[in-house]
Amino acid sequence: MTSEHRLPAPTARLGFREMTPDDLDDMAALLGDPEVMRYYPRTRTREEAGRWIEASLRSYAEHGHGLWLLTVRETGEFAGNCGLVRQTIEGEDFIEVGYLVPTALQGRGYATEAAAACRDHARDVLGVDRLISIIHPDNVPSQRVAEKNGLTLERLADFHGLPRRIYSMTFA
């Protein structure tokens, strides 16, 4: 499968591409932003942002998917990351759709649009039968993104020692 076939289809406003080490400045700014990371236990350092990119590269190689870099199609501007990540919750393995958008671009529907493309890619290209999102109980905007994309609250679960809402959908 070529790299283009491993990417979600572009949306009306957003493009997807695999992350590279050259994306470190953008990813470090994203993961180091206290507003973007307010529902995570903490922000990430530049070194940790490099490991985030390395984990995505490993995931592309091993699974054919991961967190992809988002760009605004019209301008090429960095728009965050969105993608499909393998997660283990309470001993069970899942594919999660996850998304992070820079503060300056939040509130424009980019996360919803990107997550919808990843949901469709998971179902139509990868043949995933069930998709989840792991969301902080106070992160109402992310919960809305999940709901707009057809995921519903399934349960509360412990994820890395923290309570999280698990949203899910099963594809028929």
Protein backbone atom coordinates (compact mmCIF):
# COMPACT_ATOMS: atom_id res chain seq x y z
CA MET A 1 0.00 0.00 0.00
CA THR A 2 1.49 3.36 -0.97
CA SER A 3 1.61 6.13 1.58
CA GLU A 4 -1.18 8.02 -0.23
CA HIS A 5 -3.49 5.03 0.18
CA ARG A 6 -2.65 4.92 3.86
CA LEU A 7 -3.93 8.45 4.42
CA PRO A 8 -7.51 9.55 5.01
CA ALA A 9 -9.01 11.35 2.04
CA PRO A 10 -8.59 15.12 2.23
CA THR A 11 -11.63 17.01 3.45
CA ALA A 12 -13.05 20.22 2.00
CA ARG A 13 -10.64 22.26 4.12
CA LEU A 14 -7.96 19.90 5.47
CA GLY A 15 -5.23 17.66 4.16
CA PHE A 16 -3.51 14.74 5.87
CA ARG A 17 0.10 13.66 5.62
CA GLU A 18 2.48 11.48 7.56
CA MET A 19 4.51 13.31 10.21
CA THR A 20 8.25 13.65 9.72
CA PRO A 21 11.08 14.79 12.01
CA ASP A 22 10.83 18.15 10.18
CA ASP A 23 7.49 18.71 11.95
CA LEU A 24 9.15 18.98 15.36
CA ASP A 25 8.73 22.77 15.70
CA ASP A 26 4.99 22.62 14.98
CA MET A 27 4.39 19.54 17.12
CA ALA A 28 6.45 20.92 20.03
CA ALA A 29 4.41 24.15 19.92
CA LEU A 30 1.14 22.17 19.82
CA LEU A 31 2.03 19.74 22.60
CA GLY A 32 3.66 22.46 24.70
CA ASP A 33 0.60 24.74 24.59
CA PRO A 34 -1.16 24.69 28.01
CA GLU A 35 -4.51 25.53 26.36
CA VAL A 36 -4.29 22.68 23.82
CA MET A 37 -3.13 20.25 26.52
CA ARG A 38 -5.46 21.40 29.33
CA TYR A 39 -7.25 18.04 29.46
CA TYR A 40 -4.00 16.05 29.48
CA PRO A 41 -2.05 15.50 32.71
CA ARG A 42 0.57 18.00 31.47
CA THR A 43 2.14 19.67 28.46
CA ARG A 44 4.95 17.90 26.60
CA THR A 45 8.56 18.99 26.19
CA ARG A 46 10.27 19.37 22.81
CA GLU A 47 11.98 16.03 23.41
CA GLU A 48 8.61 14.40 24.15
CA ALA A 49 7.19 15.97 20.99
CA GLY A 50 10.00 14.25 19.09
CA ARG A 51 9.01 10.94 20.67
CA TRP A 52 5.35 11.65 19.69
CA ILE A 53 6.50 11.94 16.06
CA GLU A 54 8.64 8.77 16.39
CA ALA A 55 5.65 6.86 17.79
CA SER A 56 3.57 7.97 14.80
CA LEU A 57 6.29 6.85 12.38
CA ARG A 58 6.45 3.44 14.09
CA SER A 59 2.66 3.16 13.95
CA TYR A 60 2.58 3.92 10.20
CA ALA A 61 5.20 1.22 9.60
CA GLU A 62 3.64 -1.40 11.89
CA HIS A 63 -0.09 -0.76 11.43
CA GLY A 64 -0.54 1.44 8.35
CA HIS A 65 -2.07 4.22 10.44
CA GLY A 66 -1.27 6.59 13.28
CA LEU A 67 -1.63 10.26 14.07
CA TRP A 68 -1.35 12.24 10.85
CA LEU A 69 -0.36 15.85 10.49
CA LEU A 70 -3.19 18.17 9.47
CA THR A 71 -2.79 21.12 7.11
CA VAL A 72 -5.22 23.78 5.93
CA ARG A 73 -5.53 22.94 2.22
CA GLU A 74 -5.90 26.55 1.10
CA THR A 75 -2.77 27.84 2.84
CA GLY A 76 -0.69 24.79 3.84
CA GLU A 77 -0.84 26.06 7.44
CA PHE A 78 -0.21 23.52 10.21
CA ALA A 79 -3.59 22.58 11.71
CA GLY A 80 -2.66 19.98 14.32
CA ASN A 81 -2.85 16.22 14.20
CA CYS A 82 -5.61 13.67 13.91
CA GLY A 83 -5.57 9.97 13.40
CA LEU A 84 -6.03 6.42 14.53
CA VAL A 85 -4.08 5.04 17.47
CA ARG A 86 -4.02 1.62 19.11
CA GLN A 87 -4.98 1.90 22.79
CA THR A 88 -5.43 -0.58 25.61
CA ILE A 89 -8.11 0.17 28.18
CA GLU A 90 -8.59 -2.10 31.16
CA GLY A 91 -6.94 -4.98 29.29
CA GLU A 92 -8.88 -4.60 26.02
CA ASP A 93 -7.38 -3.31 22.73
CA PHE A 94 -9.10 -0.64 20.64
CA ILE A 95 -8.53 1.77 17.78
CA GLU A 96 -8.99 5.36 18.95
CA VAL A 97 -9.63 8.40 16.81
CA GLY A 98 -7.71 11.26 18.42
CA TYR A 99 -7.27 14.92 17.51
CA LEU A 100 -5.45 18.05 18.63
CA VAL A 101 -5.88 21.45 16.96
CA PRO A 102 -3.83 24.58 17.75
CA THR A 103 -5.61 27.09 19.96
CA ALA A 104 -5.70 29.72 17.19
CA LEU A 105 -7.63 27.32 14.91
CA GLN A 106 -10.07 25.89 17.47
CA GLY A 107 -13.78 26.55 17.10
CA ARG A 108 -13.76 26.24 13.29
CA GLY A 109 -14.90 22.61 13.09
CA TYR A 110 -11.48 21.31 12.02
CA ALA A 111 -11.38 18.57 14.67
CA THR A 112 -14.86 17.36 13.69
CA GLU A 113 -13.98 17.40 9.99
CA ALA A 114 -10.66 15.61 10.46
CA ALA A 115 -12.11 13.03 12.86
CA ALA A 116 -14.91 12.26 10.37
CA ALA A 117 -12.33 11.59 7.65
CA CYS A 118 -10.39 9.31 10.02
CA ARG A 119 -13.60 7.51 11.06
CA ASP A 120 -14.44 6.87 7.39
CA HIS A 121 -10.85 5.75 6.66
CA ALA A 122 -10.96 3.34 9.61
CA ARG A 123 -14.23 1.83 8.39
CA ASP A 124 -13.82 1.92 4.60
CA VAL A 125 -10.07 1.40 4.07
CA LEU A 126 -8.79 -0.34 7.19
CA GLY A 127 -11.88 -2.46 7.90
CA VAL A 128 -12.01 -1.48 11.57
CA ASP A 129 -15.24 -2.73 13.14
CA ARG A 130 -15.24 -0.54 16.25
CA LEU A 131 -13.85 2.91 16.95
CA ILE A 132 -13.43 4.73 20.25
CA SER A 133 -12.42 8.12 21.63
CA ILE A 134 -10.91 8.49 25.09
CA ILE A 135 -12.01 11.85 26.51
CA HIS A 136 -11.44 13.71 29.77
CA PRO A 137 -14.77 14.06 31.64
CA ASP A 138 -14.52 17.88 31.55
CA ASN A 139 -13.57 18.15 27.87
CA VAL A 140 -16.98 19.09 26.49
CA PRO A 141 -15.67 20.33 23.09
CA SER A 142 -14.02 16.96 22.41
CA GLN A 143 -17.16 15.13 23.55
CA ARG A 144 -19.13 17.19 20.99
CA VAL A 145 -16.66 16.22 18.24
CA ALA A 146 -17.16 12.54 19.10
CA GLU A 147 -20.95 12.88 19.18
CA LYS A 148 -21.07 14.79 15.87
CA ASN A 149 -19.17 11.88 14.33
CA GLY A 150 -21.61 9.26 15.62
CA LEU A 151 -19.77 8.04 18.71
CA THR A 152 -21.80 7.73 21.89
CA LEU A 153 -20.80 7.58 25.53
CA GLU A 154 -20.22 3.95 26.38
CA ARG A 155 -18.74 4.10 29.87
CA LEU A 156 -16.31 5.62 32.28
CA ALA A 157 -12.99 3.80 32.44
CA ASP A 158 -9.58 4.01 34.06
CA PHE A 159 -6.98 5.05 31.47
CA HIS A 160 -3.40 5.31 32.75
CA GLY A 161 -4.75 5.77 36.25
CA LEU A 162 -7.16 8.57 35.31
CA PRO A 163 -10.95 8.52 34.85
CA ARG A 164 -11.93 8.97 31.21
CA ARG A 165 -15.12 8.87 29.18
CA ILE A 166 -15.05 6.22 26.49
CA TYR A 167 -17.08 7.11 23.42
CA SER A 168 -17.55 4.39 20.82
CA MET A 169 -19.25 3.31 17.65
CA THR A 170 -19.53 -0.05 15.96
CA PHE A 171 -19.66 -0.28 12.18
CA ALA A 172 -22.30 -2.61 10.76
